[in-house]
N, C-alpha and C. Protein backbone atom coordinates (compact mmCIF):
# COMPACT_ATOMS: atom_id res chain seq x y z
N LYS A 1 -37.86 54.29 -27.27
CA LYS A 1 -38.25 53.07 -26.58
C LYS A 1 -37.41 52.89 -25.34
N TRP A 2 -37.96 52.25 -24.38
CA TRP A 2 -37.29 52.06 -23.10
C TRP A 2 -37.08 50.59 -22.86
N PRO A 3 -36.02 50.08 -22.30
CA PRO A 3 -34.87 50.86 -21.85
C PRO A 3 -33.96 51.23 -23.02
N MET A 4 -33.16 52.22 -22.78
CA MET A 4 -32.30 52.71 -23.84
C MET A 4 -30.90 52.96 -23.27
N VAL A 5 -29.90 52.69 -24.06
CA VAL A 5 -28.52 52.93 -23.67
C VAL A 5 -28.04 54.18 -24.40
N ASN A 6 -27.49 55.12 -23.64
CA ASN A 6 -26.90 56.30 -24.26
C ASN A 6 -25.40 56.08 -24.37
N ASN A 7 -24.87 56.30 -25.54
CA ASN A 7 -23.47 55.99 -25.81
C ASN A 7 -22.52 57.13 -25.47
N MET A 8 -22.59 57.63 -24.27
CA MET A 8 -21.66 58.64 -23.77
C MET A 8 -21.50 59.81 -24.75
N LYS A 9 -22.59 60.23 -25.32
CA LYS A 9 -22.64 61.44 -26.12
C LYS A 9 -23.34 62.48 -25.26
N GLU A 10 -22.67 63.59 -25.01
CA GLU A 10 -23.21 64.57 -24.07
C GLU A 10 -24.64 64.97 -24.38
N ASP A 11 -24.94 65.23 -25.65
CA ASP A 11 -26.30 65.65 -26.00
C ASP A 11 -27.33 64.59 -25.63
N ASP A 12 -27.02 63.33 -25.94
CA ASP A 12 -27.95 62.23 -25.63
C ASP A 12 -28.11 62.04 -24.12
N VAL A 13 -27.00 62.08 -23.41
CA VAL A 13 -27.06 61.88 -21.96
C VAL A 13 -27.79 63.07 -21.32
N HIS A 14 -27.52 64.28 -21.80
CA HIS A 14 -28.21 65.46 -21.29
C HIS A 14 -29.72 65.30 -21.46
N GLU A 15 -30.15 64.83 -22.62
CA GLU A 15 -31.58 64.62 -22.87
C GLU A 15 -32.17 63.58 -21.92
N ALA A 16 -31.40 62.56 -21.59
CA ALA A 16 -31.87 61.56 -20.63
C ALA A 16 -32.08 62.19 -19.25
N PHE A 17 -31.18 63.07 -18.85
CA PHE A 17 -31.34 63.78 -17.58
C PHE A 17 -32.58 64.67 -17.63
N VAL A 18 -32.78 65.37 -18.72
CA VAL A 18 -33.95 66.24 -18.87
C VAL A 18 -35.24 65.41 -18.74
N ARG A 19 -35.29 64.28 -19.43
CA ARG A 19 -36.48 63.42 -19.36
C ARG A 19 -36.70 62.90 -17.94
N ALA A 20 -35.64 62.51 -17.28
CA ALA A 20 -35.77 62.01 -15.90
C ALA A 20 -36.33 63.10 -14.99
N LYS A 21 -35.84 64.31 -15.13
CA LYS A 21 -36.33 65.42 -14.30
C LYS A 21 -37.77 65.76 -14.64
N GLU A 22 -38.12 65.74 -15.92
CA GLU A 22 -39.50 66.02 -16.34
C GLU A 22 -40.47 64.99 -15.77
N GLN A 23 -40.00 63.77 -15.59
CA GLN A 23 -40.84 62.70 -15.05
C GLN A 23 -40.74 62.61 -13.53
N ASP A 24 -40.16 63.64 -12.92
CA ASP A 24 -40.03 63.73 -11.46
C ASP A 24 -39.29 62.54 -10.85
N ALA A 25 -38.21 62.14 -11.48
CA ALA A 25 -37.38 61.07 -10.92
C ALA A 25 -36.94 61.45 -9.51
N GLU A 26 -37.09 60.52 -8.60
CA GLU A 26 -36.68 60.78 -7.22
C GLU A 26 -35.16 60.81 -7.10
N PHE A 27 -34.50 59.94 -7.86
CA PHE A 27 -33.04 59.87 -7.86
C PHE A 27 -32.59 59.56 -9.27
N ILE A 28 -31.42 60.07 -9.62
CA ILE A 28 -30.83 59.76 -10.92
C ILE A 28 -29.52 59.04 -10.67
N ILE A 29 -29.45 57.81 -11.15
CA ILE A 29 -28.25 56.98 -11.00
C ILE A 29 -27.60 56.87 -12.36
N ALA A 30 -26.40 57.39 -12.48
CA ALA A 30 -25.65 57.29 -13.74
C ALA A 30 -24.77 56.05 -13.67
N ILE A 31 -24.84 55.22 -14.72
CA ILE A 31 -24.06 53.98 -14.76
C ILE A 31 -23.24 53.98 -16.06
N PRO A 32 -22.15 54.74 -16.07
CA PRO A 32 -21.36 54.83 -17.31
C PRO A 32 -20.49 53.61 -17.57
N HIS A 33 -20.34 53.31 -18.84
CA HIS A 33 -19.42 52.28 -19.32
C HIS A 33 -18.21 53.05 -19.84
N TRP A 34 -17.12 53.05 -19.06
CA TRP A 34 -16.03 53.97 -19.34
C TRP A 34 -14.71 53.44 -18.79
N GLY A 35 -13.64 54.16 -19.04
CA GLY A 35 -12.37 53.88 -18.41
C GLY A 35 -11.43 53.00 -19.21
N VAL A 36 -10.19 52.97 -18.74
CA VAL A 36 -9.12 52.21 -19.38
C VAL A 36 -9.05 50.83 -18.72
N GLU A 37 -9.17 49.81 -19.54
CA GLU A 37 -9.15 48.45 -19.02
C GLU A 37 -7.90 48.19 -18.18
N TYR A 38 -8.11 47.48 -17.06
CA TYR A 38 -7.07 46.96 -16.15
C TYR A 38 -6.37 48.04 -15.34
N GLN A 39 -6.80 49.30 -15.41
CA GLN A 39 -6.19 50.37 -14.63
C GLN A 39 -6.95 50.55 -13.32
N LEU A 40 -6.26 50.54 -12.19
CA LEU A 40 -6.89 50.63 -10.88
C LEU A 40 -7.27 52.05 -10.48
N ARG A 41 -6.82 53.03 -11.22
CA ARG A 41 -7.16 54.43 -10.96
C ARG A 41 -7.92 54.98 -12.16
N HIS A 42 -8.84 55.88 -11.89
CA HIS A 42 -9.64 56.46 -12.97
C HIS A 42 -8.78 57.33 -13.88
N SER A 43 -9.27 57.54 -15.08
CA SER A 43 -8.56 58.37 -16.06
C SER A 43 -9.06 59.81 -15.99
N SER A 44 -8.34 60.70 -16.64
CA SER A 44 -8.78 62.11 -16.68
C SER A 44 -10.10 62.23 -17.44
N GLN A 45 -10.32 61.38 -18.43
CA GLN A 45 -11.59 61.42 -19.16
C GLN A 45 -12.75 60.99 -18.26
N GLN A 46 -12.53 59.96 -17.45
CA GLN A 46 -13.56 59.55 -16.50
C GLN A 46 -13.86 60.68 -15.51
N GLU A 47 -12.82 61.35 -15.05
CA GLU A 47 -13.02 62.44 -14.09
C GLU A 47 -13.81 63.57 -14.73
N ARG A 48 -13.50 63.90 -15.98
CA ARG A 48 -14.24 64.95 -16.69
C ARG A 48 -15.70 64.56 -16.79
N TRP A 49 -15.96 63.31 -17.20
CA TRP A 49 -17.33 62.84 -17.32
C TRP A 49 -18.04 62.81 -15.97
N ALA A 50 -17.36 62.38 -14.92
CA ALA A 50 -17.97 62.32 -13.59
C ALA A 50 -18.41 63.71 -13.15
N ASN A 51 -17.55 64.69 -13.34
CA ASN A 51 -17.91 66.07 -13.00
C ASN A 51 -19.11 66.53 -13.81
N TRP A 52 -19.12 66.20 -15.08
CA TRP A 52 -20.23 66.59 -15.96
C TRP A 52 -21.53 65.91 -15.52
N LEU A 53 -21.48 64.61 -15.21
CA LEU A 53 -22.67 63.88 -14.76
C LEU A 53 -23.23 64.47 -13.47
N VAL A 54 -22.35 64.83 -12.56
CA VAL A 54 -22.78 65.45 -11.30
C VAL A 54 -23.41 66.81 -11.60
N ASP A 55 -22.78 67.59 -12.46
CA ASP A 55 -23.35 68.89 -12.82
C ASP A 55 -24.72 68.75 -13.48
N GLU A 56 -24.92 67.67 -14.21
CA GLU A 56 -26.21 67.43 -14.87
C GLU A 56 -27.30 67.01 -13.88
N GLY A 57 -26.89 66.53 -12.71
CA GLY A 57 -27.88 66.16 -11.70
C GLY A 57 -27.84 64.73 -11.22
N ALA A 58 -26.79 63.98 -11.52
CA ALA A 58 -26.69 62.61 -11.02
C ALA A 58 -26.61 62.63 -9.49
N ASP A 59 -27.33 61.71 -8.86
CA ASP A 59 -27.26 61.57 -7.41
C ASP A 59 -26.17 60.60 -6.99
N VAL A 60 -25.76 59.75 -7.91
CA VAL A 60 -24.67 58.81 -7.68
C VAL A 60 -24.17 58.36 -9.06
N VAL A 61 -22.88 58.09 -9.15
CA VAL A 61 -22.28 57.58 -10.38
C VAL A 61 -21.61 56.25 -10.04
N VAL A 62 -22.03 55.19 -10.72
CA VAL A 62 -21.47 53.85 -10.49
C VAL A 62 -21.02 53.30 -11.84
N GLY A 63 -19.71 53.28 -12.07
CA GLY A 63 -19.18 52.92 -13.37
C GLY A 63 -18.72 51.48 -13.49
N GLY A 64 -18.52 51.12 -14.73
CA GLY A 64 -17.99 49.81 -15.06
C GLY A 64 -17.26 49.85 -16.38
N HIS A 65 -16.59 48.80 -16.73
CA HIS A 65 -15.92 48.51 -17.98
C HIS A 65 -14.45 48.10 -17.83
N PRO A 66 -13.66 48.71 -16.96
CA PRO A 66 -12.24 48.39 -16.94
C PRO A 66 -11.87 46.97 -16.49
N HIS A 67 -12.85 46.16 -16.08
CA HIS A 67 -12.63 44.78 -15.62
C HIS A 67 -11.91 44.69 -14.29
N VAL A 68 -11.63 45.81 -13.67
CA VAL A 68 -11.00 45.84 -12.34
C VAL A 68 -11.70 46.91 -11.51
N VAL A 69 -11.57 46.79 -10.21
CA VAL A 69 -12.07 47.81 -9.30
C VAL A 69 -11.19 49.05 -9.45
N GLN A 70 -11.82 50.21 -9.49
CA GLN A 70 -11.08 51.47 -9.51
C GLN A 70 -11.45 52.28 -8.27
N ASP A 71 -10.73 53.36 -8.07
CA ASP A 71 -10.91 54.22 -6.91
C ASP A 71 -12.31 54.86 -6.89
N THR A 72 -12.62 55.45 -5.75
CA THR A 72 -13.90 56.14 -5.57
C THR A 72 -13.64 57.54 -5.04
N THR A 73 -14.65 58.39 -5.13
CA THR A 73 -14.52 59.75 -4.61
C THR A 73 -15.91 60.32 -4.40
N HIS A 74 -15.96 61.57 -3.99
CA HIS A 74 -17.20 62.35 -3.96
C HIS A 74 -16.92 63.64 -4.73
N ILE A 75 -17.87 64.04 -5.54
CA ILE A 75 -17.78 65.31 -6.26
C ILE A 75 -18.99 66.13 -5.82
N ASN A 76 -18.73 67.24 -5.15
CA ASN A 76 -19.81 68.08 -4.61
C ASN A 76 -20.80 67.25 -3.79
N GLY A 77 -20.28 66.32 -3.02
CA GLY A 77 -21.11 65.49 -2.16
C GLY A 77 -21.73 64.27 -2.83
N VAL A 78 -21.53 64.12 -4.13
CA VAL A 78 -22.11 63.00 -4.88
C VAL A 78 -21.11 61.85 -4.94
N PRO A 79 -21.49 60.66 -4.49
CA PRO A 79 -20.58 59.52 -4.56
C PRO A 79 -20.30 59.12 -6.01
N VAL A 80 -19.02 58.84 -6.27
CA VAL A 80 -18.59 58.36 -7.59
C VAL A 80 -17.76 57.11 -7.38
N ILE A 81 -18.25 56.00 -7.90
CA ILE A 81 -17.53 54.73 -7.89
C ILE A 81 -17.08 54.53 -9.34
N TYR A 82 -15.81 54.68 -9.61
CA TYR A 82 -15.34 54.68 -11.00
C TYR A 82 -15.50 53.33 -11.69
N SER A 83 -15.24 52.23 -10.98
CA SER A 83 -15.46 50.91 -11.59
C SER A 83 -15.64 49.86 -10.52
N MET A 84 -16.66 49.02 -10.73
CA MET A 84 -16.94 47.91 -9.81
C MET A 84 -16.16 46.65 -10.15
N GLY A 85 -15.52 46.62 -11.31
CA GLY A 85 -14.83 45.40 -11.74
C GLY A 85 -15.82 44.42 -12.33
N ASN A 86 -15.46 43.14 -12.34
CA ASN A 86 -16.31 42.08 -12.89
C ASN A 86 -17.07 41.38 -11.77
N ALA A 87 -18.33 41.07 -12.00
CA ALA A 87 -19.08 40.31 -10.99
C ALA A 87 -18.75 38.82 -11.10
N VAL A 88 -18.61 38.33 -12.31
CA VAL A 88 -18.17 36.96 -12.55
C VAL A 88 -17.09 37.05 -13.62
N SER A 89 -15.96 36.40 -13.36
CA SER A 89 -14.85 36.54 -14.30
C SER A 89 -14.06 35.25 -14.41
N ASN A 90 -13.84 34.84 -15.64
CA ASN A 90 -12.89 33.76 -15.88
C ASN A 90 -11.62 34.34 -16.49
N MET A 91 -11.46 35.66 -16.34
CA MET A 91 -10.28 36.32 -16.88
C MET A 91 -9.05 35.95 -16.06
N SER A 92 -7.91 35.99 -16.71
CA SER A 92 -6.67 35.66 -16.00
C SER A 92 -5.80 36.90 -15.76
N ALA A 93 -6.18 38.04 -16.31
CA ALA A 93 -5.39 39.26 -16.11
C ALA A 93 -5.40 39.64 -14.62
N THR A 94 -4.32 40.19 -14.16
CA THR A 94 -4.17 40.60 -12.77
C THR A 94 -5.33 41.48 -12.33
N ASN A 95 -5.86 41.21 -11.16
CA ASN A 95 -6.89 42.00 -10.48
C ASN A 95 -8.31 41.83 -11.04
N THR A 96 -8.52 40.99 -12.05
CA THR A 96 -9.84 40.92 -12.69
C THR A 96 -10.83 40.02 -11.96
N ARG A 97 -10.41 39.31 -10.95
CA ARG A 97 -11.36 38.44 -10.23
C ARG A 97 -11.85 39.07 -8.94
N LEU A 98 -11.32 40.24 -8.59
CA LEU A 98 -11.80 41.00 -7.44
C LEU A 98 -12.82 42.01 -7.95
N GLU A 99 -13.93 42.12 -7.25
CA GLU A 99 -14.95 43.06 -7.67
C GLU A 99 -15.51 43.79 -6.46
N LEU A 100 -16.32 44.78 -6.76
CA LEU A 100 -16.88 45.61 -5.70
C LEU A 100 -18.40 45.57 -5.79
N MET A 101 -19.03 45.13 -4.73
CA MET A 101 -20.48 45.19 -4.66
C MET A 101 -20.85 46.55 -4.08
N VAL A 102 -21.74 47.25 -4.77
CA VAL A 102 -22.18 48.56 -4.35
C VAL A 102 -23.65 48.45 -3.96
N THR A 103 -23.93 48.74 -2.70
CA THR A 103 -25.32 48.73 -2.23
C THR A 103 -25.78 50.16 -2.07
N LEU A 104 -26.85 50.50 -2.79
CA LEU A 104 -27.46 51.83 -2.68
C LEU A 104 -28.75 51.70 -1.88
N ARG A 105 -28.91 52.58 -0.91
CA ARG A 105 -30.12 52.57 -0.08
C ARG A 105 -30.80 53.93 -0.17
N PHE A 106 -32.09 53.88 -0.40
CA PHE A 106 -32.89 55.08 -0.53
C PHE A 106 -33.93 55.09 0.57
N VAL A 107 -34.10 56.22 1.23
CA VAL A 107 -34.97 56.32 2.38
C VAL A 107 -36.05 57.36 2.11
N HIS A 108 -37.28 56.98 2.44
CA HIS A 108 -38.41 57.90 2.33
C HIS A 108 -38.98 58.11 3.72
N ASN A 109 -38.99 59.34 4.19
CA ASN A 109 -39.56 59.66 5.49
C ASN A 109 -41.06 59.85 5.30
N PRO A 110 -41.88 58.97 5.87
CA PRO A 110 -43.33 59.06 5.65
C PRO A 110 -43.97 60.30 6.27
N VAL A 111 -43.30 60.91 7.24
CA VAL A 111 -43.86 62.10 7.88
C VAL A 111 -43.55 63.34 7.05
N THR A 112 -42.28 63.53 6.73
CA THR A 112 -41.88 64.74 5.99
C THR A 112 -41.90 64.55 4.48
N HIS A 113 -42.02 63.30 4.04
CA HIS A 113 -41.98 62.93 2.62
C HIS A 113 -40.61 63.24 1.98
N GLU A 114 -39.62 63.49 2.84
CA GLU A 114 -38.27 63.72 2.34
C GLU A 114 -37.67 62.40 1.87
N LYS A 115 -36.97 62.46 0.76
CA LYS A 115 -36.33 61.26 0.20
C LYS A 115 -34.83 61.52 0.13
N THR A 116 -34.07 60.59 0.69
CA THR A 116 -32.61 60.74 0.69
C THR A 116 -31.96 59.42 0.29
N MET A 117 -30.75 59.55 -0.18
CA MET A 117 -29.94 58.38 -0.49
C MET A 117 -28.86 58.30 0.58
N LEU A 118 -28.72 57.15 1.19
CA LEU A 118 -27.66 56.95 2.17
C LEU A 118 -26.33 56.75 1.44
N GLU A 119 -25.25 56.88 2.17
CA GLU A 119 -23.92 56.66 1.60
C GLU A 119 -23.83 55.23 1.06
N PRO A 120 -23.33 55.05 -0.15
CA PRO A 120 -23.21 53.68 -0.69
C PRO A 120 -22.35 52.79 0.20
N GLU A 121 -22.76 51.55 0.31
CA GLU A 121 -21.99 50.54 1.04
C GLU A 121 -21.16 49.78 0.02
N LEU A 122 -19.87 49.67 0.27
CA LEU A 122 -18.95 49.00 -0.65
C LEU A 122 -18.40 47.74 0.02
N GLN A 123 -18.49 46.62 -0.68
CA GLN A 123 -17.95 45.37 -0.17
C GLN A 123 -17.19 44.66 -1.29
N PHE A 124 -15.99 44.22 -0.98
CA PHE A 124 -15.22 43.48 -1.97
C PHE A 124 -15.75 42.05 -2.09
N MET A 125 -15.73 41.56 -3.31
CA MET A 125 -16.11 40.18 -3.61
C MET A 125 -14.99 39.54 -4.43
N TRP A 126 -15.00 38.24 -4.49
CA TRP A 126 -14.00 37.48 -5.24
C TRP A 126 -14.73 36.43 -6.07
N CYS A 127 -14.30 36.26 -7.29
CA CYS A 127 -14.87 35.23 -8.16
C CYS A 127 -13.92 34.04 -8.17
N THR A 128 -14.37 32.93 -7.59
CA THR A 128 -13.55 31.73 -7.59
C THR A 128 -13.80 30.97 -8.89
N LEU A 129 -12.78 30.40 -9.41
CA LEU A 129 -12.88 29.59 -10.62
C LEU A 129 -13.25 28.16 -10.24
N PRO A 130 -13.80 27.40 -11.18
CA PRO A 130 -14.13 26.01 -10.88
C PRO A 130 -12.93 25.26 -10.31
N GLY A 131 -13.18 24.51 -9.22
CA GLY A 131 -12.13 23.70 -8.63
C GLY A 131 -11.28 24.41 -7.59
N MET A 132 -11.49 25.71 -7.38
CA MET A 132 -10.70 26.44 -6.40
C MET A 132 -11.35 26.42 -5.01
N LEU A 133 -12.65 26.58 -4.98
CA LEU A 133 -13.41 26.56 -3.74
C LEU A 133 -14.57 25.58 -3.87
N ARG A 134 -15.22 25.65 -5.01
CA ARG A 134 -16.34 24.75 -5.33
C ARG A 134 -16.12 24.21 -6.74
N ASP A 135 -17.06 23.42 -7.21
CA ASP A 135 -16.93 22.85 -8.56
C ASP A 135 -17.25 23.84 -9.67
N THR A 136 -17.89 24.94 -9.33
CA THR A 136 -18.30 25.93 -10.32
C THR A 136 -17.76 27.30 -9.96
N TYR A 137 -18.04 28.27 -10.82
CA TYR A 137 -17.73 29.66 -10.49
C TYR A 137 -18.58 30.05 -9.30
N SER A 138 -17.99 30.79 -8.38
CA SER A 138 -18.72 31.31 -7.22
C SER A 138 -18.25 32.72 -6.94
N THR A 139 -19.18 33.61 -6.75
CA THR A 139 -18.84 34.96 -6.33
C THR A 139 -19.13 35.05 -4.85
N ILE A 140 -18.09 35.35 -4.07
CA ILE A 140 -18.20 35.32 -2.61
C ILE A 140 -17.86 36.68 -2.02
N LEU A 141 -18.45 36.99 -0.88
CA LEU A 141 -18.05 38.19 -0.14
C LEU A 141 -16.69 37.92 0.48
N LEU A 142 -15.73 38.73 0.14
CA LEU A 142 -14.37 38.49 0.58
C LEU A 142 -14.26 38.46 2.10
N LYS A 143 -14.94 39.37 2.78
CA LYS A 143 -14.83 39.45 4.25
C LYS A 143 -15.25 38.16 4.93
N ASP A 144 -16.11 37.38 4.28
CA ASP A 144 -16.56 36.11 4.87
C ASP A 144 -15.56 34.98 4.67
N TRP A 145 -14.53 35.19 3.85
CA TRP A 145 -13.64 34.08 3.49
C TRP A 145 -12.16 34.32 3.81
N THR A 146 -11.79 35.46 4.35
CA THR A 146 -10.37 35.75 4.56
C THR A 146 -9.72 34.87 5.62
N THR A 147 -10.50 34.22 6.45
CA THR A 147 -9.93 33.35 7.50
C THR A 147 -10.31 31.89 7.31
N ARG A 148 -10.77 31.53 6.13
CA ARG A 148 -11.29 30.17 5.92
C ARG A 148 -10.45 29.39 4.89
N GLU A 149 -9.15 29.53 4.97
CA GLU A 149 -8.27 28.89 4.00
C GLU A 149 -8.48 27.38 3.94
N SER A 150 -8.77 26.76 5.04
CA SER A 150 -8.90 25.30 5.07
C SER A 150 -10.05 24.79 4.20
N GLU A 151 -11.00 25.66 3.84
CA GLU A 151 -12.14 25.24 3.02
C GLU A 151 -11.85 25.32 1.52
N TRP A 152 -10.71 25.85 1.16
CA TRP A 152 -10.36 26.00 -0.26
C TRP A 152 -9.71 24.72 -0.78
N SER A 153 -10.05 24.35 -1.98
CA SER A 153 -9.42 23.21 -2.64
C SER A 153 -8.03 23.58 -3.13
N ASN A 154 -7.86 24.84 -3.47
CA ASN A 154 -6.59 25.32 -4.01
C ASN A 154 -6.09 26.46 -3.13
N HIS A 155 -5.06 26.19 -2.33
CA HIS A 155 -4.56 27.19 -1.38
C HIS A 155 -3.84 28.33 -2.08
N GLU A 156 -3.27 28.08 -3.25
CA GLU A 156 -2.63 29.18 -4.01
C GLU A 156 -3.67 30.21 -4.42
N ASP A 157 -4.88 29.76 -4.76
CA ASP A 157 -5.93 30.70 -5.13
C ASP A 157 -6.39 31.51 -3.93
N PHE A 158 -6.42 30.90 -2.77
CA PHE A 158 -6.74 31.64 -1.54
C PHE A 158 -5.72 32.76 -1.35
N GLU A 159 -4.45 32.45 -1.49
CA GLU A 159 -3.39 33.47 -1.37
C GLU A 159 -3.52 34.53 -2.46
N ASN A 160 -3.88 34.12 -3.67
CA ASN A 160 -4.09 35.05 -4.77
C ASN A 160 -5.19 36.04 -4.41
N MET A 161 -6.27 35.54 -3.82
CA MET A 161 -7.37 36.40 -3.40
C MET A 161 -6.89 37.45 -2.40
N LEU A 162 -6.16 37.02 -1.38
CA LEU A 162 -5.69 37.94 -0.35
C LEU A 162 -4.70 38.96 -0.91
N GLN A 163 -3.78 38.51 -1.74
CA GLN A 163 -2.79 39.42 -2.33
C GLN A 163 -3.47 40.44 -3.25
N THR A 164 -4.43 39.98 -4.04
CA THR A 164 -5.16 40.89 -4.94
C THR A 164 -5.92 41.92 -4.13
N TYR A 165 -6.60 41.46 -3.11
CA TYR A 165 -7.36 42.35 -2.22
C TYR A 165 -6.45 43.43 -1.64
N ARG A 166 -5.32 43.05 -1.09
CA ARG A 166 -4.38 44.03 -0.50
C ARG A 166 -3.86 45.01 -1.55
N ARG A 167 -3.52 44.48 -2.71
CA ARG A 167 -2.98 45.32 -3.79
C ARG A 167 -4.02 46.35 -4.26
N VAL A 168 -5.23 45.89 -4.48
CA VAL A 168 -6.28 46.79 -4.99
C VAL A 168 -6.69 47.80 -3.93
N LYS A 169 -6.82 47.37 -2.68
CA LYS A 169 -7.13 48.32 -1.61
C LYS A 169 -6.06 49.39 -1.51
N SER A 170 -4.82 49.00 -1.61
CA SER A 170 -3.72 49.95 -1.51
C SER A 170 -3.75 50.94 -2.69
N ALA A 171 -3.99 50.44 -3.88
CA ALA A 171 -3.99 51.30 -5.07
C ALA A 171 -5.19 52.23 -5.15
N THR A 172 -6.35 51.74 -4.66
CA THR A 172 -7.58 52.52 -4.80
C THR A 172 -7.93 53.34 -3.58
N GLY A 173 -7.43 52.93 -2.42
CA GLY A 173 -7.77 53.62 -1.17
C GLY A 173 -9.15 53.27 -0.65
N ILE A 174 -9.80 52.27 -1.25
CA ILE A 174 -11.15 51.89 -0.82
C ILE A 174 -11.08 51.15 0.51
N GLU A 175 -11.88 51.59 1.46
CA GLU A 175 -12.02 50.91 2.74
C GLU A 175 -13.35 50.19 2.74
N ASP A 176 -13.35 48.97 3.20
CA ASP A 176 -14.61 48.24 3.29
C ASP A 176 -14.85 47.79 4.71
């Protein structure tokens, strides 16, 4: 039955790739639930899996689970985003309110019928808690708010956002 979640068992995931190819999938996007919680760098197990997913035919790998943004890379030209972090978070652990929005764009040339995936666009976001910027949780594009401290109800949270952003960028090497 569809949709189905494969629990990171190589045989099951391999079969999903086979089915996708048999159905002439234009692109295969692997979205693994993996990694060590709260670690800003990927683990050796994630790297092993990323290589395996690329070898199986993934066109892009976009991971989640660690509750924080992790580093990114390319394996044989295939983009790998190890972890996007949380989209909405009321967590208090360090770095858990910064997240990464990943935009994937697919292009079809109507003349040649060639289909390509453009390089993923990465943008940092921040989840504000109630009372910090608005009355409710809000997920905001960080680049739109780095110079708008006067609009925050809680200036310490504004500084927390900037410090977290700098720390995670430094640890992961992600440029946005």
